[in-house]
Amino acid sequence: MITLPEFLDGTAACTPAVAHLFDSTIPEQQQQARTICATCPLRAACADHALTTPEEHGTWGGLAAQDRRRLLDPTDRSWLDTQGRVRLPCGTLNALGAHHRYGETCNTCEAAQEARTLAQRRTLLAAAHAAGGTVAGAAIHRRIGEPVCLPCRAAEARRSAVARETRRLGAQQRELATAS
């Protein structure tokens, strides 16, 4: 059980009725505790207390134990924004997700995501080329805005020829069936 410091003198939003939320490790209850902290006038002082004491358990000032560990880890570049939320370094996929959750846009995160997507598409394209060119490779060429290479174009042509032949044979079979 968490023992409250003296500065939380009854003006805090964490009343005994909701105290179980602040000691919970269940993500939904931790989020409920964070929501309560967001309106508390003592949120900043409480978070500062938890980071300097350091408190190992519970939610303090809107920060769960894992949030405080991140902030105290010298190798982690996480930081607190003005609303007391733990923010991740821009340019990471998780930071982009946080921006989206908070209804924000970030040019750094968007550009990094575009670079990750392009790298993934280039990897898939390399596999298509290793296979001698594929229809999927042709689609990737177009998606990344470059001309389709000859092996991928040939794969599309082969697929088109097979599709035409299949349609032709199907039409012949239908003609034979109606003639008999």
C-alpha atoms as a PDB file:
ATOM      1  CA  MET A   1       0.000   0.000   0.000  1.00  0.00           C
ATOM      2  CA  ILE A   2       1.193   3.477  -0.820  1.00  0.00           C
ATOM      3  CA  THR A   3       1.826   5.923   2.000  1.00  0.00           C
ATOM      4  CA  LEU A   4       0.975   9.462   0.947  1.00  0.00           C
ATOM      5  CA  PRO A   5       3.456  12.259   1.667  1.00  0.00           C
ATOM      6  CA  GLU A   6       2.372  15.168   3.857  1.00  0.00           C
ATOM      7  CA  PHE A   7       1.997  17.660   1.012  1.00  0.00           C
ATOM      8  CA  LEU A   8      -1.020  15.675  -0.196  1.00  0.00           C
ATOM      9  CA  ASP A   9      -3.030  17.225   2.620  1.00  0.00           C
ATOM     10  CA  GLY A  10      -6.534  16.516   1.425  1.00  0.00           C
ATOM     11  CA  THR A  11      -6.549  19.004  -1.452  1.00  0.00           C
ATOM     12  CA  ALA A  12      -5.434  16.265  -3.819  1.00  0.00           C
ATOM     13  CA  ALA A  13      -7.885  14.505  -6.111  1.00  0.00           C
ATOM     14  CA  CYS A  14      -6.740  11.058  -4.939  1.00  0.00           C
ATOM     15  CA  THR A  15      -9.324  10.408  -2.258  1.00  0.00           C
ATOM     16  CA  PRO A  16      -9.625   7.171  -0.249  1.00  0.00           C
ATOM     17  CA  ALA A  17     -12.552   6.155  -2.456  1.00  0.00           C
ATOM     18  CA  VAL A  18     -10.245   5.865  -5.489  1.00  0.00           C
ATOM     19  CA  ALA A  19      -6.974   5.011  -3.710  1.00  0.00           C
ATOM     20  CA  HIS A  20      -6.982   1.472  -5.148  1.00  0.00           C
ATOM     21  CA  LEU A  21      -6.517   2.931  -8.648  1.00  0.00           C
ATOM     22  CA  PHE A  22      -3.237   4.582  -7.668  1.00  0.00           C
ATOM     23  CA  ASP A  23      -1.777   1.335  -6.327  1.00  0.00           C
ATOM     24  CA  SER A  24      -2.883  -0.795  -9.287  1.00  0.00           C
ATOM     25  CA  THR A  25      -0.746  -2.397 -11.977  1.00  0.00           C
ATOM     26  CA  ILE A  26      -3.770  -3.000 -14.224  1.00  0.00           C
ATOM     27  CA  PRO A  27      -3.404  -0.711 -17.275  1.00  0.00           C
ATOM     28  CA  GLU A  28      -7.073   0.354 -17.296  1.00  0.00           C
ATOM     29  CA  GLN A  29      -6.927   1.342 -13.627  1.00  0.00           C
ATOM     30  CA  GLN A  30      -3.611   3.120 -14.149  1.00  0.00           C
ATOM     31  CA  GLN A  31      -5.257   5.129 -16.931  1.00  0.00           C
ATOM     32  CA  GLN A  32      -8.134   6.009 -14.600  1.00  0.00           C
ATOM     33  CA  ALA A  33      -5.591   7.196 -12.033  1.00  0.00           C
ATOM     34  CA  ARG A  34      -3.821   9.288 -14.695  1.00  0.00           C
ATOM     35  CA  THR A  35      -7.153  10.874 -15.613  1.00  0.00           C
ATOM     36  CA  ILE A  36      -7.776  11.813 -11.977  1.00  0.00           C
ATOM     37  CA  CYS A  37      -4.232  13.219 -11.713  1.00  0.00           C
ATOM     38  CA  ALA A  38      -4.738  15.367 -14.812  1.00  0.00           C
ATOM     39  CA  THR A  39      -7.239  17.567 -12.935  1.00  0.00           C
ATOM     40  CA  CYS A  40      -5.373  17.653  -9.632  1.00  0.00           C
ATOM     41  CA  PRO A  41      -3.763  20.971  -8.604  1.00  0.00           C
ATOM     42  CA  LEU A  42      -0.933  19.012  -6.960  1.00  0.00           C
ATOM     43  CA  ARG A  43      -0.077  16.896 -10.022  1.00  0.00           C
ATOM     44  CA  ALA A  44       3.300  18.522 -10.714  1.00  0.00           C
ATOM     45  CA  ALA A  45       4.418  18.394  -7.061  1.00  0.00           C
ATOM     46  CA  CYS A  46       3.282  14.795  -6.759  1.00  0.00           C
ATOM     47  CA  ALA A  47       5.154  13.765  -9.934  1.00  0.00           C
ATOM     48  CA  ASP A  48       8.256  15.611  -8.728  1.00  0.00           C
ATOM     49  CA  HIS A  49       8.030  13.779  -5.391  1.00  0.00           C
ATOM     50  CA  ALA A  50       7.770  10.407  -7.132  1.00  0.00           C
ATOM     51  CA  LEU A  51      10.758  11.144  -9.361  1.00  0.00           C
ATOM     52  CA  THR A  52      13.002  12.413  -6.566  1.00  0.00           C
ATOM     53  CA  THR A  53      12.084   9.945  -3.783  1.00  0.00           C
ATOM     54  CA  PRO A  54      11.937   7.641  -5.977  1.00  0.00           C
ATOM     55  CA  GLU A  55       8.636   5.873  -5.512  1.00  0.00           C
ATOM     56  CA  GLU A  56       8.822   2.357  -6.964  1.00  0.00           C
ATOM     57  CA  HIS A  57       5.104   1.536  -7.052  1.00  0.00           C
ATOM     58  CA  GLY A  58       1.830   3.182  -7.933  1.00  0.00           C
ATOM     59  CA  THR A  59       0.725   6.139  -9.978  1.00  0.00           C
ATOM     60  CA  TRP A  60       2.003   9.515  -8.789  1.00  0.00           C
ATOM     61  CA  GLY A  61       1.251  12.799 -10.500  1.00  0.00           C
ATOM     62  CA  GLY A  62      -0.109  10.951 -13.511  1.00  0.00           C
ATOM     63  CA  LEU A  63       3.047   8.838 -13.857  1.00  0.00           C
ATOM     64  CA  ALA A  64       2.891   5.078 -13.439  1.00  0.00           C
ATOM     65  CA  ALA A  65       5.973   3.214 -12.219  1.00  0.00           C
ATOM     66  CA  GLN A  66       7.034   2.273 -15.765  1.00  0.00           C
ATOM     67  CA  ASP A  67       6.752   5.938 -16.818  1.00  0.00           C
ATOM     68  CA  ARG A  68       9.008   7.023 -13.951  1.00  0.00           C
ATOM     69  CA  ARG A  69      11.554   4.309 -14.777  1.00  0.00           C
ATOM     70  CA  ARG A  70      11.712   5.596 -18.349  1.00  0.00           C
ATOM     71  CA  LEU A  71      12.190   9.183 -17.213  1.00  0.00           C
ATOM     72  CA  LEU A  72      14.910   8.210 -14.727  1.00  0.00           C
ATOM     73  CA  ASP A  73      16.776   5.993 -17.228  1.00  0.00           C
ATOM     74  CA  PRO A  74      19.691   8.067 -18.580  1.00  0.00           C
ATOM     75  CA  THR A  75      19.723   6.090 -21.856  1.00  0.00           C
ATOM     76  CA  ASP A  76      16.023   6.721 -22.548  1.00  0.00           C
ATOM     77  CA  ARG A  77      15.344  10.072 -24.174  1.00  0.00           C
ATOM     78  CA  SER A  78      11.727  10.277 -22.950  1.00  0.00           C
ATOM     79  CA  TRP A  79      10.513  13.556 -21.489  1.00  0.00           C
ATOM     80  CA  LEU A  80       7.474  15.114 -19.831  1.00  0.00           C
ATOM     81  CA  ASP A  81       5.345  17.545 -21.779  1.00  0.00           C
ATOM     82  CA  THR A  82       3.580  20.528 -20.230  1.00  0.00           C
ATOM     83  CA  GLN A  83       0.547  18.370 -19.455  1.00  0.00           C
ATOM     84  CA  GLY A  84       2.606  15.846 -17.510  1.00  0.00           C
ATOM     85  CA  ARG A  85       2.529  13.126 -20.176  1.00  0.00           C
ATOM     86  CA  VAL A  86       5.572  10.981 -20.900  1.00  0.00           C
ATOM     87  CA  ARG A  87       6.625  11.673 -24.450  1.00  0.00           C
ATOM     88  CA  LEU A  88       8.945   9.577 -26.555  1.00  0.00           C
ATOM     89  CA  PRO A  89      11.734  10.870 -28.782  1.00  0.00           C
ATOM     90  CA  CYS A  90      10.345  12.129 -32.085  1.00  0.00           C
ATOM     91  CA  GLY A  91      11.155  10.009 -35.094  1.00  0.00           C
ATOM     92  CA  THR A  92      10.148   6.712 -33.479  1.00  0.00           C
ATOM     93  CA  LEU A  93       7.072   4.679 -34.349  1.00  0.00           C
ATOM     94  CA  ASN A  94       5.815   4.864 -30.755  1.00  0.00           C
ATOM     95  CA  ALA A  95       6.174   8.652 -30.747  1.00  0.00           C
ATOM     96  CA  LEU A  96       4.153   8.835 -33.970  1.00  0.00           C
ATOM     97  CA  GLY A  97       1.447   6.735 -32.311  1.00  0.00           C
ATOM     98  CA  ALA A  98       1.406   9.079 -29.313  1.00  0.00           C
ATOM     99  CA  HIS A  99       1.093  12.106 -31.601  1.00  0.00           C
ATOM    100  CA  HIS A 100      -1.892  10.465 -33.298  1.00  0.00           C
ATOM    101  CA  ARG A 101      -3.505   9.580 -29.949  1.00  0.00           C
ATOM    102  CA  TYR A 102      -3.153  13.191 -28.820  1.00  0.00           C
ATOM    103  CA  GLY A 103      -4.454  14.564 -32.134  1.00  0.00           C
ATOM    104  CA  GLU A 104      -1.104  16.107 -33.055  1.00  0.00           C
ATOM    105  CA  THR A 105       1.003  16.166 -36.179  1.00  0.00           C
ATOM    106  CA  CYS A 106       4.783  15.980 -36.154  1.00  0.00           C
ATOM    107  CA  ASN A 107       6.824  16.487 -39.303  1.00  0.00           C
ATOM    108  CA  THR A 108       9.799  14.629 -37.811  1.00  0.00           C
ATOM    109  CA  CYS A 109       7.731  11.551 -36.939  1.00  0.00           C
ATOM    110  CA  GLU A 110       5.857  11.616 -40.272  1.00  0.00           C
ATOM    111  CA  ALA A 111       9.122  11.852 -42.234  1.00  0.00           C
ATOM    112  CA  ALA A 112      10.665   9.027 -40.206  1.00  0.00           C
ATOM    113  CA  GLN A 113       7.597   6.857 -40.860  1.00  0.00           C
ATOM    114  CA  GLU A 114       7.808   7.569 -44.588  1.00  0.00           C
ATOM    115  CA  ALA A 115      11.488   6.546 -44.505  1.00  0.00           C
ATOM    116  CA  ARG A 116      10.653   3.315 -42.625  1.00  0.00           C
ATOM    117  CA  THR A 117       7.883   2.515 -45.118  1.00  0.00           C
ATOM    118  CA  LEU A 118      10.161   3.176 -48.095  1.00  0.00           C
ATOM    119  CA  ALA A 119      12.886   0.970 -46.585  1.00  0.00           C
ATOM    120  CA  GLN A 120      10.371  -1.833 -46.047  1.00  0.00           C
ATOM    121  CA  ARG A 121       9.122  -1.511 -49.627  1.00  0.00           C
ATOM    122  CA  ARG A 122      12.700  -1.555 -50.939  1.00  0.00           C
ATOM    123  CA  THR A 123      13.310  -4.789 -48.979  1.00  0.00           C
ATOM    124  CA  LEU A 124      10.198  -6.365 -50.516  1.00  0.00           C
ATOM    125  CA  LEU A 125      11.274  -5.139 -53.943  1.00  0.00           C
ATOM    126  CA  ALA A 126      14.713  -6.724 -53.490  1.00  0.00           C
ATOM    127  CA  ALA A 127      12.999 -10.045 -52.724  1.00  0.00           C
ATOM    128  CA  ALA A 128      10.835  -9.661 -55.845  1.00  0.00           C
ATOM    129  CA  HIS A 129      13.952  -9.017 -57.933  1.00  0.00           C
ATOM    130  CA  ALA A 130      15.714 -12.018 -56.375  1.00  0.00           C
ATOM    131  CA  ALA A 131      12.763 -14.114 -57.577  1.00  0.00           C
ATOM    132  CA  GLY A 132      13.310 -12.842 -61.128  1.00  0.00           C
ATOM    133  CA  GLY A 133      10.663 -10.123 -60.998  1.00  0.00           C
ATOM    134  CA  THR A 134       7.083 -10.401 -59.793  1.00  0.00           C
ATOM    135  CA  VAL A 135       3.711  -8.757 -60.252  1.00  0.00           C
ATOM    136  CA  ALA A 136       3.922  -7.583 -56.635  1.00  0.00           C
ATOM    137  CA  GLY A 137       7.325  -6.086 -57.461  1.00  0.00           C
ATOM    138  CA  ALA A 138       5.730  -4.095 -60.291  1.00  0.00           C
ATOM    139  CA  ALA A 139       3.113  -2.756 -57.876  1.00  0.00           C
ATOM    140  CA  ILE A 140       5.856  -1.758 -55.428  1.00  0.00           C
ATOM    141  CA  HIS A 141       7.748   0.073 -58.180  1.00  0.00           C
ATOM    142  CA  ARG A 142       4.606   2.097 -58.899  1.00  0.00           C
ATOM    143  CA  ARG A 143       3.886   2.684 -55.206  1.00  0.00           C
ATOM    144  CA  ILE A 144       7.320   4.202 -54.640  1.00  0.00           C
ATOM    145  CA  GLY A 145       6.984   6.283 -57.810  1.00  0.00           C
ATOM    146  CA  GLU A 146       9.596   4.739 -60.044  1.00  0.00           C
ATOM    147  CA  PRO A 147       9.403   3.063 -63.468  1.00  0.00           C
ATOM    148  CA  VAL A 148       8.736  -0.677 -63.428  1.00  0.00           C
ATOM    149  CA  CYS A 149      11.885  -2.674 -64.210  1.00  0.00           C
ATOM    150  CA  LEU A 150      11.954  -5.150 -67.101  1.00  0.00           C
ATOM    151  CA  PRO A 151      11.788  -8.375 -64.979  1.00  0.00           C
ATOM    152  CA  CYS A 152       8.746  -7.115 -63.034  1.00  0.00           C
ATOM    153  CA  ARG A 153       7.087  -5.880 -66.244  1.00  0.00           C
ATOM    154  CA  ALA A 154       7.692  -9.335 -67.779  1.00  0.00           C
ATOM    155  CA  ALA A 155       6.031 -10.970 -64.751  1.00  0.00           C
ATOM    156  CA  GLU A 156       2.970  -8.768 -65.302  1.00  0.00           C
ATOM    157  CA  ALA A 157       2.925  -9.686 -68.991  1.00  0.00           C
ATOM    158  CA  ARG A 158       3.087 -13.404 -68.148  1.00  0.00           C
ATOM    159  CA  ARG A 159       0.176 -13.029 -65.729  1.00  0.00           C
ATOM    160  CA  SER A 160      -1.841 -11.107 -68.338  1.00  0.00           C
ATOM    161  CA  ALA A 161      -1.145 -13.798 -70.948  1.00  0.00           C
ATOM    162  CA  VAL A 162      -2.258 -16.523 -68.563  1.00  0.00           C
ATOM    163  CA  ALA A 163      -5.419 -14.592 -67.706  1.00  0.00           C
ATOM    164  CA  ARG A 164      -6.227 -14.058 -71.416  1.00  0.00           C
ATOM    165  CA  GLU A 165      -5.678 -17.760 -72.158  1.00  0.00           C
ATOM    166  CA  THR A 166      -7.871 -18.753 -69.213  1.00  0.00           C
ATOM    167  CA  ARG A 167     -10.665 -16.486 -70.463  1.00  0.00           C
ATOM    168  CA  ARG A 168     -10.288 -17.846 -74.019  1.00  0.00           C
ATOM    169  CA  LEU A 169     -10.456 -21.475 -72.843  1.00  0.00           C
ATOM    170  CA  GLY A 170     -13.451 -20.670 -70.669  1.00  0.00           C
ATOM    171  CA  ALA A 171     -15.245 -19.099 -73.639  1.00  0.00           C
ATOM    172  CA  GLN A 172     -14.483 -22.176 -75.792  1.00  0.00           C
ATOM    173  CA  GLN A 173     -15.848 -24.506 -73.111  1.00  0.00           C
ATOM    174  CA  ARG A 174     -19.021 -22.437 -72.850  1.00  0.00           C
ATOM    175  CA  GLU A 175     -19.455 -22.566 -76.659  1.00  0.00           C
ATOM    176  CA  LEU A 176     -19.021 -26.341 -76.664  1.00  0.00           C
ATOM    177  CA  ALA A 177     -21.517 -26.729 -73.843  1.00  0.00           C
ATOM    178  CA  THR A 178     -24.165 -24.638 -75.628  1.00  0.00           C
ATOM    179  CA  ALA A 179     -23.531 -26.427 -78.993  1.00  0.00           C
ATOM    180  CA  SER A 180     -24.187 -29.886 -77.580  1.00  0.00           C
END
